[in-house]
C-alpha atoms as a PDB file:
ATOM      1  CA  MET A   1     -26.190  11.691  51.205  1.00  0.00           C
ATOM      2  CA  HIS A   2     -23.498  10.256  48.872  1.00  0.00           C
ATOM      3  CA  ARG A   3     -23.165   6.606  49.675  1.00  0.00           C
ATOM      4  CA  ILE A   4     -19.670   5.272  50.307  1.00  0.00           C
ATOM      5  CA  SER A   5     -18.254   3.478  47.241  1.00  0.00           C
ATOM      6  CA  LEU A   6     -17.328  -0.068  48.045  1.00  0.00           C
ATOM      7  CA  SER A   7     -14.132  -1.770  46.633  1.00  0.00           C
ATOM      8  CA  THR A   8     -12.324  -4.976  47.403  1.00  0.00           C
ATOM      9  CA  THR A   9      -8.890  -4.721  48.982  1.00  0.00           C
ATOM     10  CA  PRO A  10      -5.920  -7.333  49.541  1.00  0.00           C
ATOM     11  CA  LEU A  11      -5.775  -6.228  53.331  1.00  0.00           C
ATOM     12  CA  LEU A  12      -8.449  -8.643  54.458  1.00  0.00           C
ATOM     13  CA  LEU A  13      -6.536 -11.518  52.903  1.00  0.00           C
ATOM     14  CA  LEU A  14      -3.181 -10.299  54.445  1.00  0.00           C
ATOM     15  CA  LEU A  15      -4.606  -9.967  57.832  1.00  0.00           C
ATOM     16  CA  VAL A  16      -6.241 -13.391  57.762  1.00  0.00           C
ATOM     17  CA  GLY A  17      -3.225 -15.107  56.436  1.00  0.00           C
ATOM     18  CA  LEU A  18      -1.061 -13.721  59.261  1.00  0.00           C
ATOM     19  CA  LEU A  19      -3.502 -15.241  61.835  1.00  0.00           C
ATOM     20  CA  TRP A  20      -2.469 -18.761  61.244  1.00  0.00           C
ATOM     21  CA  PRO A  21       1.131 -19.187  62.276  1.00  0.00           C
ATOM     22  CA  THR A  22       2.428 -22.503  63.392  1.00  0.00           C
ATOM     23  CA  GLY A  23       1.265 -24.014  66.640  1.00  0.00           C
ATOM     24  CA  ILE A  24      -1.883 -21.810  67.076  1.00  0.00           C
ATOM     25  CA  PRO A  25      -4.924 -24.025  67.673  1.00  0.00           C
ATOM     26  CA  ALA A  26      -7.370 -23.844  65.030  1.00  0.00           C
ATOM     27  CA  SER A  27     -10.130 -22.397  67.367  1.00  0.00           C
ATOM     28  CA  THR A  28      -7.940 -19.436  68.372  1.00  0.00           C
ATOM     29  CA  ALA A  29      -6.975 -18.629  64.625  1.00  0.00           C
ATOM     30  CA  SER A  30     -10.732 -18.555  63.889  1.00  0.00           C
ATOM     31  CA  ASN A  31     -11.615 -16.276  66.775  1.00  0.00           C
ATOM     32  CA  ASP A  32      -8.711 -13.987  65.711  1.00  0.00           C
ATOM     33  CA  ALA A  33      -9.581 -14.044  61.987  1.00  0.00           C
ATOM     34  CA  ILE A  34     -13.448 -13.007  62.881  1.00  0.00           C
ATOM     35  CA  SER A  35     -11.973 -10.467  65.110  1.00  0.00           C
ATOM     36  CA  ALA A  36      -9.608  -9.086  62.217  1.00  0.00           C
ATOM     37  CA  VAL A  37     -12.511  -8.958  59.833  1.00  0.00           C
ATOM     38  CA  TYR A  38     -14.746  -7.001  62.203  1.00  0.00           C
ATOM     39  CA  ALA A  39     -12.118  -4.723  63.688  1.00  0.00           C
ATOM     40  CA  PRO A  40     -13.559  -1.444  62.499  1.00  0.00           C
ATOM     41  CA  TYR A  41     -17.070  -2.457  63.421  1.00  0.00           C
ATOM     42  CA  ALA A  42     -15.602  -3.298  67.075  1.00  0.00           C
ATOM     43  CA  GLU A  43     -14.116   0.045  67.405  1.00  0.00           C
ATOM     44  CA  LEU A  44     -17.542   1.633  66.743  1.00  0.00           C
ATOM     45  CA  LEU A  45     -19.148  -0.402  69.270  1.00  0.00           C
ATOM     46  CA  SER A  46     -16.409   0.353  71.915  1.00  0.00           C
ATOM     47  CA  ASP A  47     -16.738   3.936  71.285  1.00  0.00           C
ATOM     48  CA  PHE A  48     -20.452   4.505  70.855  1.00  0.00           C
ATOM     49  CA  LEU A  49     -22.454   1.916  72.054  1.00  0.00           C
ATOM     50  CA  VAL A  50     -23.916   2.140  75.726  1.00  0.00           C
ATOM     51  CA  GLU A  51     -25.081  -0.670  77.714  1.00  0.00           C
ATOM     52  CA  LYS A  52     -27.087  -0.184  80.978  1.00  0.00           C
ATOM     53  CA  ASP A  53     -27.793  -3.145  83.535  1.00  0.00           C
ATOM     54  CA  LEU A  54     -31.102  -3.206  84.862  1.00  0.00           C
ATOM     55  CA  PRO A  55     -32.598  -4.808  88.227  1.00  0.00           C
ATOM     56  CA  ASP A  56     -32.596  -8.576  87.986  1.00  0.00           C
ATOM     57  CA  ASP A  57     -29.964  -8.674  85.367  1.00  0.00           C
ATOM     58  CA  GLY A  58     -32.020  -7.328  82.710  1.00  0.00           C
ATOM     59  CA  LEU A  59     -30.158  -5.237  79.904  1.00  0.00           C
ATOM     60  CA  VAL A  60     -30.646  -2.399  77.499  1.00  0.00           C
ATOM     61  CA  SER A  61     -28.283  -0.827  74.975  1.00  0.00           C
ATOM     62  CA  ALA A  62     -28.448   2.167  72.889  1.00  0.00           C
ATOM     63  CA  PHE A  63     -26.115   3.618  70.252  1.00  0.00           C
ATOM     64  CA  ASP A  64     -24.849   7.313  70.101  1.00  0.00           C
ATOM     65  CA  TYR A  65     -25.484   7.828  66.391  1.00  0.00           C
ATOM     66  CA  GLU A  66     -24.821  11.776  67.091  1.00  0.00           C
ATOM     67  CA  ALA A  67     -21.433  11.232  68.471  1.00  0.00           C
ATOM     68  CA  ALA A  68     -20.445   8.730  65.985  1.00  0.00           C
ATOM     69  CA  LEU A  69     -21.345  11.218  63.359  1.00  0.00           C
ATOM     70  CA  ALA A  70     -19.482  13.832  64.844  1.00  0.00           C
ATOM     71  CA  ASP A  71     -16.281  11.749  65.250  1.00  0.00           C
ATOM     72  CA  GLU A  72     -14.087  12.319  62.158  1.00  0.00           C
ATOM     73  CA  ALA A  73     -12.682   8.656  62.290  1.00  0.00           C
ATOM     74  CA  THR A  74     -16.301   7.210  61.717  1.00  0.00           C
ATOM     75  CA  ASP A  75     -16.337   7.520  57.900  1.00  0.00           C
ATOM     76  CA  GLN A  76     -13.022   5.826  57.658  1.00  0.00           C
ATOM     77  CA  ARG A  77     -14.106   3.082  59.904  1.00  0.00           C
ATOM     78  CA  LEU A  78     -17.187   2.398  57.855  1.00  0.00           C
ATOM     79  CA  GLN A  79     -15.306   2.458  54.702  1.00  0.00           C
ATOM     80  CA  ARG A  80     -12.788   0.069  56.074  1.00  0.00           C
ATOM     81  CA  GLN A  81     -15.274  -2.268  57.295  1.00  0.00           C
ATOM     82  CA  HIS A  82     -17.363  -2.393  53.969  1.00  0.00           C
ATOM     83  CA  GLU A  83     -14.030  -3.178  52.206  1.00  0.00           C
ATOM     84  CA  MET A  84     -13.195  -5.876  54.381  1.00  0.00           C
ATOM     85  CA  LEU A  85     -16.656  -7.551  53.912  1.00  0.00           C
ATOM     86  CA  ALA A  86     -16.470  -6.997  50.177  1.00  0.00           C
ATOM     87  CA  ALA A  87     -13.209  -8.888  50.040  1.00  0.00           C
ATOM     88  CA  PHE A  88     -14.257 -11.705  52.419  1.00  0.00           C
ATOM     89  CA  ASP A  89     -14.404 -15.284  51.178  1.00  0.00           C
ATOM     90  CA  THR A  90     -17.680 -16.949  52.442  1.00  0.00           C
ATOM     91  CA  ASP A  91     -16.364 -20.311  51.428  1.00  0.00           C
ATOM     92  CA  THR A  92     -14.141 -20.074  54.523  1.00  0.00           C
ATOM     93  CA  LEU A  93     -17.169 -19.995  56.819  1.00  0.00           C
ATOM     94  CA  ASN A  94     -16.905 -23.922  57.207  1.00  0.00           C
ATOM     95  CA  SER A  95     -18.164 -24.426  60.909  1.00  0.00           C
ATOM     96  CA  ARG A  96     -21.322 -23.754  62.529  1.00  0.00           C
ATOM     97  CA  GLU A  97     -19.908 -21.402  65.087  1.00  0.00           C
ATOM     98  CA  LYS A  98     -17.696 -19.354  62.749  1.00  0.00           C
ATOM     99  CA  ALA A  99     -20.804 -19.026  60.187  1.00  0.00           C
ATOM    100  CA  ILE A 100     -23.242 -17.823  62.859  1.00  0.00           C
ATOM    101  CA  ALA A 101     -20.853 -15.551  64.298  1.00  0.00           C
ATOM    102  CA  PHE A 102     -19.808 -13.849  60.952  1.00  0.00           C
ATOM    103  CA  TRP A 103     -23.383 -13.448  59.782  1.00  0.00           C
ATOM    104  CA  LEU A 104     -24.622 -12.049  63.044  1.00  0.00           C
ATOM    105  CA  ASN A 105     -21.986  -9.410  63.011  1.00  0.00           C
ATOM    106  CA  ALA A 106     -22.487  -8.601  59.320  1.00  0.00           C
ATOM    107  CA  TYR A 107     -26.272  -8.104  60.077  1.00  0.00           C
ATOM    108  CA  ASN A 108     -25.778  -5.745  62.909  1.00  0.00           C
ATOM    109  CA  PHE A 109     -22.890  -3.792  61.258  1.00  0.00           C
ATOM    110  CA  PHE A 110     -24.863  -3.238  58.174  1.00  0.00           C
ATOM    111  CA  MET A 111     -27.825  -2.003  60.151  1.00  0.00           C
ATOM    112  CA  LEU A 112     -25.801   0.317  61.912  1.00  0.00           C
ATOM    113  CA  ALA A 113     -23.997   1.615  58.805  1.00  0.00           C
ATOM    114  CA  GLN A 114     -27.288   2.120  56.998  1.00  0.00           C
ATOM    115  CA  ILE A 115     -28.358   4.575  59.692  1.00  0.00           C
ATOM    116  CA  LEU A 116     -25.066   6.303  59.779  1.00  0.00           C
ATOM    117  CA  GLU A 117     -24.759   6.615  56.009  1.00  0.00           C
ATOM    118  CA  GLU A 118     -28.325   7.396  54.663  1.00  0.00           C
ATOM    119  CA  ARG A 119     -29.748  10.296  56.366  1.00  0.00           C
ATOM    120  CA  PRO A 120     -32.660  11.734  54.453  1.00  0.00           C
ATOM    121  CA  GLY A 121     -32.372  15.615  54.210  1.00  0.00           C
ATOM    122  CA  GLY A 122     -29.159  15.281  56.311  1.00  0.00           C
ATOM    123  CA  SER A 123     -30.914  14.166  59.354  1.00  0.00           C
ATOM    124  CA  LEU A 124     -30.993  10.937  61.354  1.00  0.00           C
ATOM    125  CA  ILE A 125     -34.040   8.944  60.837  1.00  0.00           C
ATOM    126  CA  THR A 126     -36.532   8.448  63.668  1.00  0.00           C
ATOM    127  CA  SER A 127     -37.231   5.038  63.003  1.00  0.00           C
ATOM    128  CA  VAL A 128     -35.886   2.288  60.491  1.00  0.00           C
ATOM    129  CA  TRP A 129     -39.473   2.558  58.734  1.00  0.00           C
ATOM    130  CA  ASP A 130     -38.523   6.072  57.744  1.00  0.00           C
ATOM    131  CA  TYR A 131     -36.512   4.579  54.581  1.00  0.00           C
ATOM    132  CA  GLY A 132     -39.842   3.067  53.359  1.00  0.00           C
ATOM    133  CA  GLY A 133     -42.408   0.303  53.989  1.00  0.00           C
ATOM    134  CA  ARG A 134     -44.869   1.233  56.472  1.00  0.00           C
ATOM    135  CA  ILE A 135     -44.813   5.171  56.157  1.00  0.00           C
ATOM    136  CA  ASN A 136     -43.897   5.159  52.616  1.00  0.00           C
ATOM    137  CA  PRO A 137     -45.431   2.043  50.938  1.00  0.00           C
ATOM    138  CA  LEU A 138     -43.917   3.084  47.373  1.00  0.00           C
ATOM    139  CA  ARG A 139     -40.289   2.224  48.792  1.00  0.00           C
ATOM    140  CA  SER A 140     -39.383  -1.359  49.648  1.00  0.00           C
ATOM    141  CA  ASN A 141     -38.287  -1.394  53.471  1.00  0.00           C
ATOM    142  CA  ILE A 142     -34.824  -1.359  54.485  1.00  0.00           C
ATOM    143  CA  PHE A 143     -34.886  -5.076  55.452  1.00  0.00           C
ATOM    144  CA  GLU A 144     -35.646  -6.047  51.815  1.00  0.00           C
ATOM    145  CA  ARG A 145     -33.102  -3.922  50.051  1.00  0.00           C
ATOM    146  CA  GLU A 146     -30.042  -5.675  48.693  1.00  0.00           C
ATOM    147  CA  LEU A 147     -27.565  -3.086  49.576  1.00  0.00           C
ATOM    148  CA  PHE A 148     -24.830  -4.888  51.641  1.00  0.00           C
ATOM    149  CA  ASP A 149     -21.785  -6.337  49.837  1.00  0.00           C
ATOM    150  CA  VAL A 150     -20.206  -9.383  51.287  1.00  0.00           C
ATOM    151  CA  GLY A 151     -17.642 -11.211  48.957  1.00  0.00           C
ATOM    152  CA  GLY A 152     -18.846  -9.387  45.938  1.00  0.00           C
ATOM    153  CA  GLN A 153     -22.398 -10.535  46.533  1.00  0.00           C
ATOM    154  CA  LYS A 154     -25.111  -7.940  47.481  1.00  0.00           C
ATOM    155  CA  TYR A 155     -27.310  -9.058  50.389  1.00  0.00           C
ATOM    156  CA  SER A 156     -30.400  -7.803  52.205  1.00  0.00           C
ATOM    157  CA  LEU A 157     -30.789  -7.679  55.820  1.00  0.00           C
ATOM    158  CA  ASP A 158     -33.800 -10.079  55.495  1.00  0.00           C
ATOM    159  CA  GLY A 159     -31.509 -12.290  53.323  1.00  0.00           C
ATOM    160  CA  ILE A 160     -28.716 -12.325  56.124  1.00  0.00           C
ATOM    161  CA  GLU A 161     -31.383 -13.323  58.795  1.00  0.00           C
ATOM    162  CA  LYS A 162     -33.915 -15.164  57.240  1.00  0.00           C
ATOM    163  CA  GLY A 163     -32.230 -16.426  54.087  1.00  0.00           C
ATOM    164  CA  ILE A 164     -28.959 -17.619  55.823  1.00  0.00           C
ATOM    165  CA  LEU A 165     -29.131 -17.793  59.760  1.00  0.00           C
ATOM    166  CA  LEU A 166     -32.669 -18.924  59.642  1.00  0.00           C
ATOM    167  CA  GLY A 167     -32.868 -20.426  56.340  1.00  0.00           C
ATOM    168  CA  ASP A 168     -33.369 -23.808  54.826  1.00  0.00           C
ATOM    169  CA  GLN A 169     -29.601 -24.554  54.255  1.00  0.00           C
ATOM    170  CA  TYR A 170     -28.747 -23.888  58.085  1.00  0.00           C
ATOM    171  CA  LYS A 171     -31.800 -26.009  59.033  1.00  0.00           C
ATOM    172  CA  GLN A 172     -30.597 -28.998  56.801  1.00  0.00           C
ATOM    173  CA  ARG A 173     -27.025 -28.515  58.442  1.00  0.00           C
ATOM    174  CA  ASP A 174     -28.742 -28.321  61.906  1.00  0.00           C
ATOM    175  CA  TRP A 175     -27.200 -24.863  62.338  1.00  0.00           C
ATOM    176  CA  PHE A 176     -30.537 -23.295  62.757  1.00  0.00           C
ATOM    177  CA  GLU A 177     -30.835 -21.129  66.176  1.00  0.00           C
ATOM    178  CA  ALA A 178     -33.780 -19.436  67.348  1.00  0.00           C
ATOM    179  CA  ARG A 179     -31.668 -17.570  69.631  1.00  0.00           C
ATOM    180  CA  VAL A 180     -30.555 -15.525  66.532  1.00  0.00           C
ATOM    181  CA  HIS A 181     -33.647 -13.425  67.116  1.00  0.00           C
ATOM    182  CA  PHE A 182     -32.115 -12.290  70.435  1.00  0.00           C
ATOM    183  CA  ALA A 183     -28.790 -11.455  68.655  1.00  0.00           C
ATOM    184  CA  VAL A 184     -29.595  -9.619  65.627  1.00  0.00           C
ATOM    185  CA  ASN A 185     -30.422  -5.948  66.113  1.00  0.00           C
ATOM    186  CA  CYS A 186     -32.728  -3.925  64.005  1.00  0.00           C
ATOM    187  CA  ALA A 187     -31.807  -0.507  65.518  1.00  0.00           C
ATOM    188  CA  SER A 188     -34.892  -0.049  67.301  1.00  0.00           C
ATOM    189  CA  VAL A 189     -35.961   0.368  71.031  1.00  0.00           C
ATOM    190  CA  GLY A 190     -38.145  -2.615  71.183  1.00  0.00           C
ATOM    191  CA  CYS A 191     -35.351  -4.986  69.635  1.00  0.00           C
ATOM    192  CA  PRO A 192     -33.163  -7.020  72.001  1.00  0.00           C
ATOM    193  CA  PRO A 193     -30.100  -5.015  72.693  1.00  0.00           C
ATOM    194  CA  LEU A 194     -27.018  -4.812  70.702  1.00  0.00           C
ATOM    195  CA  ARG A 195     -23.824  -5.796  72.489  1.00  0.00           C
ATOM    196  CA  GLN A 196     -20.535  -4.239  72.741  1.00  0.00           C
ATOM    197  CA  GLN A 197     -18.668  -7.574  72.156  1.00  0.00           C
ATOM    198  CA  ILE A 198     -18.658  -8.785  68.515  1.00  0.00           C
ATOM    199  CA  TYR A 199     -19.571 -12.321  68.112  1.00  0.00           C
ATOM    200  CA  THR A 200     -16.677 -14.887  67.574  1.00  0.00           C
ATOM    201  CA  PRO A 201     -16.747 -18.780  67.261  1.00  0.00           C
ATOM    202  CA  ASP A 202     -15.732 -19.168  70.818  1.00  0.00           C
ATOM    203  CA  ASN A 203     -18.355 -16.823  72.315  1.00  0.00           C
ATOM    204  CA  VAL A 204     -21.349 -17.052  69.987  1.00  0.00           C
ATOM    205  CA  ASP A 205     -23.150 -19.842  71.799  1.00  0.00           C
ATOM    206  CA  HIS A 206     -22.647 -18.213  75.213  1.00  0.00           C
ATOM    207  CA  LEU A 207     -23.514 -14.598  73.942  1.00  0.00           C
ATOM    208  CA  MET A 208     -26.865 -15.890  72.241  1.00  0.00           C
ATOM    209  CA  SER A 209     -27.915 -17.712  75.477  1.00  0.00           C
ATOM    210  CA  GLU A 210     -26.924 -14.749  77.463  1.00  0.00           C
ATOM    211  CA  ASN A 211     -28.714 -12.345  75.358  1.00  0.00           C
ATOM    212  CA  THR A 212     -31.797 -14.643  75.573  1.00  0.00           C
ATOM    213  CA  ARG A 213     -31.612 -15.103  79.207  1.00  0.00           C
ATOM    214  CA  ARG A 214     -31.077 -11.238  79.826  1.00  0.00           C
ATOM    215  CA  ALA A 215     -33.887 -10.307  77.489  1.00  0.00           C
ATOM    216  CA  PHE A 216     -36.190 -12.461  79.797  1.00  0.00           C
ATOM    217  CA  ASN A 217     -35.231 -10.296  82.605  1.00  0.00           C
ATOM    218  CA  THR A 218     -36.096  -7.151  80.834  1.00  0.00           C
ATOM    219  CA  PRO A 219     -39.608  -5.734  81.059  1.00  0.00           C
ATOM    220  CA  ARG A 220     -39.505  -4.470  77.355  1.00  0.00           C
ATOM    221  CA  GLN A 221     -39.130  -8.156  76.377  1.00  0.00           C
ATOM    222  CA  LEU A 222     -40.995 -10.154  79.073  1.00  0.00           C
ATOM    223  CA  ARG A 223     -42.934  -9.356  82.029  1.00  0.00           C
ATOM    224  CA  VAL A 224     -45.724 -10.961  84.021  1.00  0.00           C
ATOM    225  CA  GLU A 225     -48.539  -9.044  85.476  1.00  0.00           C
ATOM    226  CA  GLY A 226     -51.194 -10.904  87.579  1.00  0.00           C
ATOM    227  CA  ASN A 227     -52.041 -13.948  85.392  1.00  0.00           C
ATOM    228  CA  THR A 228     -50.877 -12.414  82.143  1.00  0.00           C
ATOM    229  CA  LEU A 229     -47.493 -13.185  80.385  1.00  0.00           C
ATOM    230  CA  TYR A 230     -46.482 -10.127  78.359  1.00  0.00           C
ATOM    231  CA  LEU A 231     -43.996 -11.253  75.616  1.00  0.00           C
ATOM    232  CA  THR A 232     -41.957  -9.455  72.965  1.00  0.00           C
ATOM    233  CA  ARG A 233     -43.669  -9.414  69.619  1.00  0.00           C
ATOM    234  CA  LEU A 234     -40.802 -11.665  68.143  1.00  0.00           C
ATOM    235  CA  PHE A 235     -42.702 -14.576  69.794  1.00  0.00           C
ATOM    236  CA  ASP A 236     -45.823 -13.512  67.800  1.00  0.00           C
ATOM    237  CA  TRP A 237     -43.953 -12.927  64.366  1.00  0.00           C
ATOM    238  CA  TYR A 238     -41.536 -16.054  64.605  1.00  0.00           C
ATOM    239  CA  GLU A 239     -43.668 -18.495  66.752  1.00  0.00           C
ATOM    240  CA  ASP A 240     -42.696 -21.217  64.301  1.00  0.00           C
ATOM    241  CA  HIS A 241     -38.943 -20.674  65.023  1.00  0.00           C
ATOM    242  CA  PHE A 242     -39.394 -21.051  68.641  1.00  0.00           C
ATOM    243  CA  THR A 243     -41.706 -24.140  68.518  1.00  0.00           C
ATOM    244  CA  ARG A 244     -39.256 -25.732  66.031  1.00  0.00           C
ATOM    245  CA  GLU A 245     -36.558 -25.521  68.504  1.00  0.00           C
ATOM    246  CA  ALA A 246     -38.261 -26.192  71.797  1.00  0.00           C
ATOM    247  CA  GLY A 247     -41.702 -27.573  70.995  1.00  0.00           C
ATOM    248  CA  SER A 248     -43.618 -24.450  72.439  1.00  0.00           C
ATOM    249  CA  ILE A 249     -42.798 -20.838  73.301  1.00  0.00           C
ATOM    250  CA  ARG A 250     -42.975 -21.763  77.018  1.00  0.00           C
ATOM    251  CA  GLU A 251     -40.538 -24.337  76.711  1.00  0.00           C
ATOM    252  CA  PHE A 252     -38.255 -22.232  74.928  1.00  0.00           C
ATOM    253  CA  ILE A 253     -38.369 -19.633  77.478  1.00  0.00           C
ATOM    254  CA  GLN A 254     -37.876 -22.098  80.260  1.00  0.00           C
ATOM    255  CA  ALA A 255     -34.971 -23.472  78.443  1.00  0.00           C
ATOM    256  CA  TYR A 256     -32.985 -20.143  78.791  1.00  0.00           C
ATOM    257  CA  ALA A 257     -34.720 -18.161  81.631  1.00  0.00           C
ATOM    258  CA  ASP A 258     -33.590 -17.749  85.106  1.00  0.00           C
ATOM    259  CA  GLN A 259     -35.455 -19.749  87.725  1.00  0.00           C
ATOM    260  CA  THR A 260     -37.576 -16.782  89.056  1.00  0.00           C
ATOM    261  CA  VAL A 261     -38.857 -16.111  85.528  1.00  0.00           C
ATOM    262  CA  ILE A 262     -39.657 -19.677  85.060  1.00  0.00           C
ATOM    263  CA  GLU A 263     -41.675 -19.657  88.293  1.00  0.00           C
ATOM    264  CA  ASP A 264     -43.281 -16.604  87.496  1.00  0.00           C
ATOM    265  CA  ILE A 265     -44.403 -17.552  83.861  1.00  0.00           C
ATOM    266  CA  GLN A 266     -45.873 -20.673  85.480  1.00  0.00           C
ATOM    267  CA  GLN A 267     -48.412 -18.525  87.300  1.00  0.00           C
ATOM    268  CA  ALA A 268     -49.610 -16.936  83.971  1.00  0.00           C
ATOM    269  CA  ASP A 269     -52.318 -18.527  81.861  1.00  0.00           C
ATOM    270  CA  ILE A 270     -52.917 -15.701  79.510  1.00  0.00           C
ATOM    271  CA  ILE A 271     -50.411 -14.408  76.837  1.00  0.00           C
ATOM    272  CA  ARG A 272     -50.296 -11.098  75.215  1.00  0.00           C
ATOM    273  CA  HIS A 273     -47.667  -9.261  73.237  1.00  0.00           C
ATOM    274  CA  ILE A 274     -46.005  -5.985  74.017  1.00  0.00           C
ATOM    275  CA  THR A 275     -46.380  -3.264  71.340  1.00  0.00           C
ATOM    276  CA  TYR A 276     -43.031  -3.217  69.647  1.00  0.00           C
ATOM    277  CA  ASP A 277     -41.154   0.156  69.826  1.00  0.00           C
ATOM    278  CA  TRP A 278     -39.691   1.131  66.421  1.00  0.00           C
ATOM    279  CA  SER A 279     -38.153   4.287  67.622  1.00  0.00           C
ATOM    280  CA  LEU A 280     -34.320   4.493  66.781  1.00  0.00           C
ATOM    281  CA  ASN A 281     -32.193   2.982  69.434  1.00  0.00           C
ATOM    282  CA  LYS A 282     -30.487   6.138  70.515  1.00  0.00           C
ATOM    283  CA  PRO A 283     -30.138   7.022  74.161  1.00  0.00           C
ATOM    284  CA  ALA A 284     -32.821   9.767  74.290  1.00  0.00           C
ATOM    285  CA  ASN A 285     -35.449   7.117  73.203  1.00  0.00           C
ATOM    286  CA  PHE A 286     -34.906   5.039  76.328  1.00  0.00           C
ATOM    287  CA  ASP A 287     -36.356   5.938  79.554  1.00  0.00           C
ATOM    288  CA  GLU A 288     -33.806   3.591  81.189  1.00  0.00           C
ATOM    289  CA  PHE A 289     -30.915   5.995  80.307  1.00  0.00           C
ATOM    290  CA  SER A 290     -32.702   9.080  81.916  1.00  0.00           C
ATOM    291  CA  GLN A 291     -31.003   8.384  85.153  1.00  0.00           C
ATOM    292  CA  GLY A 292     -27.447   7.652  83.503  1.00  0.00           C
ATOM    293  CA  ALA A 293     -25.883   4.825  81.684  1.00  0.00           C
ATOM    294  CA  SER A 294     -23.349   2.207  82.553  1.00  0.00           C
ATOM    295  CA  ARG A 295     -21.118   0.478  80.143  1.00  0.00           C
END
């Protein structure tokens, strides 16, 4: 499939410039600026992302890739979003909240765009590993490829998540957040859900906490059976991130979980990890959507 050609555009600068009229608080202007930058992505989420509430306030979500591909507006939305990010000045990310919100949205958009734009043989992938890595070790995996243009510089998904959001510079600034693991979405069933809302400076802390709390109410991410605590593999792969923030994995969970979950995990003295489901996060791959979905 022919990849969309990226180019810079003055539209982003015009939009951002219009969002700072006299008398508007700086926080409102920052939120409006992030919303303007990610307007095409927000339209895709509004039209094609489906969230389903689960018992005990759990949550899953799925993206309807087939419907998005059938919509003639999708290619234009993707191109507009690429152009706006290619023109963005990252030097304006001068606050913790603005920076985290921007890069969370960037990661999630680029992951989504990758799947919609690169379809081997004209078909949707079944898993992000179809692009290479595990199944095809001769190709680097999609998380490592520097394909994604922000401000004229190419980034990889790993570069955004591990190099920026969870990287040394953010650690030095005290911007490091282990909750990022519950906010980035790898387009897989086993990943914490993508949300319909984009992240903004005003909502980013609330949404990261909410995503984390609701993940702990979702059996795909955490459950207790007898004296065994089953946890998402994220706690295995990134244990050092959670212990850095809270001292231990249990303490991290207790910092964000509902009281019933806290009480449940106190009864468990064995920890095991849930097999990660790398199937594409489309509705048909979720048992939870078999009885209908709610937005």
